[in-house]
C-alpha atoms as a PDB file:
ATOM      1  CA  MET A   1       3.773   9.933 -10.550  1.00  0.00           C
ATOM      2  CA  SER A   2       4.954   9.185  -7.128  1.00  0.00           C
ATOM      3  CA  MET A   3       6.282   5.638  -6.516  1.00  0.00           C
ATOM      4  CA  ILE A   4       5.201   5.781  -2.828  1.00  0.00           C
ATOM      5  CA  SER A   5       1.796   3.955  -2.889  1.00  0.00           C
ATOM      6  CA  VAL A   6      -1.565   4.946  -1.163  1.00  0.00           C
ATOM      7  CA  CYS A   7      -0.626   2.670   1.657  1.00  0.00           C
ATOM      8  CA  GLY A   8       2.913   4.118   2.007  1.00  0.00           C
ATOM      9  CA  THR A   9       5.090   0.998   0.070  1.00  0.00           C
ATOM     10  CA  ASP A  10       8.044   2.655  -2.038  1.00  0.00           C
ATOM     11  CA  CYS A  11       7.200   0.662  -5.337  1.00  0.00           C
ATOM     12  CA  ALA A  12      10.197   1.245  -6.923  1.00  0.00           C
ATOM     13  CA  ALA A  13      11.965  -0.848  -3.618  1.00  0.00           C
ATOM     14  CA  CYS A  14       9.665  -3.573  -3.884  1.00  0.00           C
ATOM     15  CA  TYR A  15      10.403  -7.070  -5.156  1.00  0.00           C
ATOM     16  CA  CYS A  16       7.377  -7.080  -7.529  1.00  0.00           C
ATOM     17  CA  TYR A  17       8.128  -3.792  -9.431  1.00  0.00           C
ATOM     18  CA  PRO A  18       8.655  -3.207 -12.085  1.00  0.00           C
ATOM     19  CA  ASN A  19       7.982  -6.685 -13.787  1.00  0.00           C
ATOM     20  CA  LEU A  20       5.178  -8.200 -11.856  1.00  0.00           C
ATOM     21  CA  CYS A  21       3.901  -4.626 -10.850  1.00  0.00           C
ATOM     22  CA  LYS A  22       4.163  -1.141 -12.742  1.00  0.00           C
ATOM     23  CA  GLY A  23       3.028   0.656  -9.073  1.00  0.00           C
ATOM     24  CA  CYS A  24      -0.206   0.688  -6.926  1.00  0.00           C
ATOM     25  CA  ASN A  25      -0.884   4.298  -8.110  1.00  0.00           C
ATOM     26  CA  GLU A  26      -0.289   3.408 -11.592  1.00  0.00           C
ATOM     27  CA  VAL A  27      -2.556   0.446 -12.238  1.00  0.00           C
ATOM     28  CA  LYS A  28      -5.156   2.250  -9.322  1.00  0.00           C
ATOM     29  CA  GLY A  29      -4.862  -0.250  -6.991  1.00  0.00           C
ATOM     30  CA  LYS A  30      -5.351  -3.428  -9.464  1.00  0.00           C
ATOM     31  CA  VAL A  31      -1.909  -5.084  -8.484  1.00  0.00           C
ATOM     32  CA  PHE A  32      -1.574  -8.703 -10.168  1.00  0.00           C
ATOM     33  CA  HIS A  33      -2.172 -10.458  -6.673  1.00  0.00           C
ATOM     34  CA  MET A  34      -5.823  -9.455  -6.422  1.00  0.00           C
ATOM     35  CA  PRO A  35      -8.630 -11.191  -8.675  1.00  0.00           C
ATOM     36  CA  GLU A  36      -9.024  -9.867 -12.283  1.00  0.00           C
ATOM     37  CA  GLY A  37     -10.529  -6.044 -12.113  1.00  0.00           C
ATOM     38  CA  LYS A  38     -10.341  -5.910  -8.305  1.00  0.00           C
ATOM     39  CA  ALA A  39      -8.447  -3.312  -6.522  1.00  0.00           C
ATOM     40  CA  CYS A  40      -6.294  -3.834  -3.428  1.00  0.00           C
ATOM     41  CA  THR A  41      -8.786  -3.403  -0.377  1.00  0.00           C
ATOM     42  CA  ILE A  42      -6.347  -0.539   1.468  1.00  0.00           C
ATOM     43  CA  TYR A  43      -6.425   1.262  -2.345  1.00  0.00           C
ATOM     44  CA  GLU A  44      -9.934   1.133  -2.716  1.00  0.00           C
ATOM     45  CA  CYS A  45     -10.876   2.138   1.508  1.00  0.00           C
ATOM     46  CA  THR A  46      -8.094   5.202   0.546  1.00  0.00           C
ATOM     47  CA  VAL A  47      -9.193   6.247  -2.754  1.00  0.00           C
ATOM     48  CA  SER A  48     -12.837   5.230  -3.454  1.00  0.00           C
ATOM     49  CA  THR A  49     -14.207   5.279  -0.096  1.00  0.00           C
ATOM     50  CA  HIS A  50     -12.506   8.109   1.801  1.00  0.00           C
ATOM     51  CA  GLU A  51     -10.957  10.114  -1.320  1.00  0.00           C
ATOM     52  CA  TYR A  52      -7.751  10.223   0.331  1.00  0.00           C
ATOM     53  CA  SER A  53      -4.769  10.925  -1.743  1.00  0.00           C
ATOM     54  CA  ASN A  54      -2.850   8.359   0.673  1.00  0.00           C
ATOM     55  CA  CYS A  55      -3.382   6.380   4.136  1.00  0.00           C
ATOM     56  CA  GLY A  56      -1.314   9.028   5.852  1.00  0.00           C
ATOM     57  CA  LYS A  57      -4.725  11.361   5.485  1.00  0.00           C
ATOM     58  CA  CYS A  58      -6.238   8.598   7.654  1.00  0.00           C
ATOM     59  CA  ASP A  59      -6.101   8.885  11.653  1.00  0.00           C
ATOM     60  CA  LYS A  60      -6.809   5.241  11.565  1.00  0.00           C
ATOM     61  CA  VAL A  61      -3.414   4.535   9.965  1.00  0.00           C
ATOM     62  CA  PRO A  62      -2.095   1.831  10.478  1.00  0.00           C
ATOM     63  CA  CYS A  63      -5.473   0.104  10.724  1.00  0.00           C
ATOM     64  CA  ASP A  64      -7.227  -3.429  10.467  1.00  0.00           C
ATOM     65  CA  ILE A  65      -6.958  -3.476   6.945  1.00  0.00           C
ATOM     66  CA  TRP A  66      -3.355  -3.137   6.899  1.00  0.00           C
ATOM     67  CA  ARG A  67      -2.951  -6.245   8.951  1.00  0.00           C
ATOM     68  CA  ALA A  68      -5.493  -8.027   6.865  1.00  0.00           C
ATOM     69  CA  THR A  69      -3.443  -7.555   3.849  1.00  0.00           C
ATOM     70  CA  ARG A  70      -0.351  -8.655   5.191  1.00  0.00           C
ATOM     71  CA  ASP A  71       2.318  -9.888   2.752  1.00  0.00           C
ATOM     72  CA  PRO A  72       2.772 -13.871   4.274  1.00  0.00           C
ATOM     73  CA  LYS A  73       6.592 -13.711   2.860  1.00  0.00           C
ATOM     74  CA  PHE A  74       7.304 -11.735   6.161  1.00  0.00           C
ATOM     75  CA  THR A  75       7.901 -13.049   9.525  1.00  0.00           C
ATOM     76  CA  ASP A  76       5.773 -10.860  12.196  1.00  0.00           C
ATOM     77  CA  GLU A  77       9.057  -8.713  13.435  1.00  0.00           C
ATOM     78  CA  GLU A  78       9.366  -8.171   9.287  1.00  0.00           C
ATOM     79  CA  PHE A  79       5.879  -7.360   8.928  1.00  0.00           C
ATOM     80  CA  GLU A  80       5.972  -4.591  12.023  1.00  0.00           C
ATOM     81  CA  GLU A  81       9.110  -3.125  10.505  1.00  0.00           C
ATOM     82  CA  ASN A  82       7.326  -2.774   7.245  1.00  0.00           C
ATOM     83  CA  ILE A  83       4.374  -1.034   8.507  1.00  0.00           C
ATOM     84  CA  ARG A  84       6.795   1.357  10.346  1.00  0.00           C
ATOM     85  CA  GLU A  85       8.563   1.763   7.523  1.00  0.00           C
ATOM     86  CA  ARG A  86       5.247   2.503   5.341  1.00  0.00           C
ATOM     87  CA  THR A  87       3.848   4.960   7.972  1.00  0.00           C
ATOM     88  CA  ARG A  88       7.329   6.843   7.971  1.00  0.00           C
ATOM     89  CA  ASN A  89       6.739   7.262   4.186  1.00  0.00           C
ATOM     90  CA  LEU A  90       3.395   8.355   4.239  1.00  0.00           C
ATOM     91  CA  ARG A  91       4.599  11.017   6.614  1.00  0.00           C
ATOM     92  CA  MET A  92       7.426  12.174   4.690  1.00  0.00           C
ATOM     93  CA  ASN A  93       5.431  12.575   1.669  1.00  0.00           C
ATOM     94  CA  LEU A  94       2.088  14.584   2.917  1.00  0.00           C
END
């Protein structure tokens, strides 16, 4: 299974992997920071609603959902760089 999540995050490079999270694709978006049994809103939108394999299939990327699910540990500059990196990952894995 790919370590690039539906939103373009490289799970293998994430500080949460593999101890807190096994990878978004592996857990079907039900990551540790979501309420029990709930999937990440990005995963839900991408896979469940639009039936895309990843956000790179959507012409709205990066969208409002991406911005609403910001990791609070990032500064504004780090968050924008994170979005650019995730978008690059998606383009390379289409």
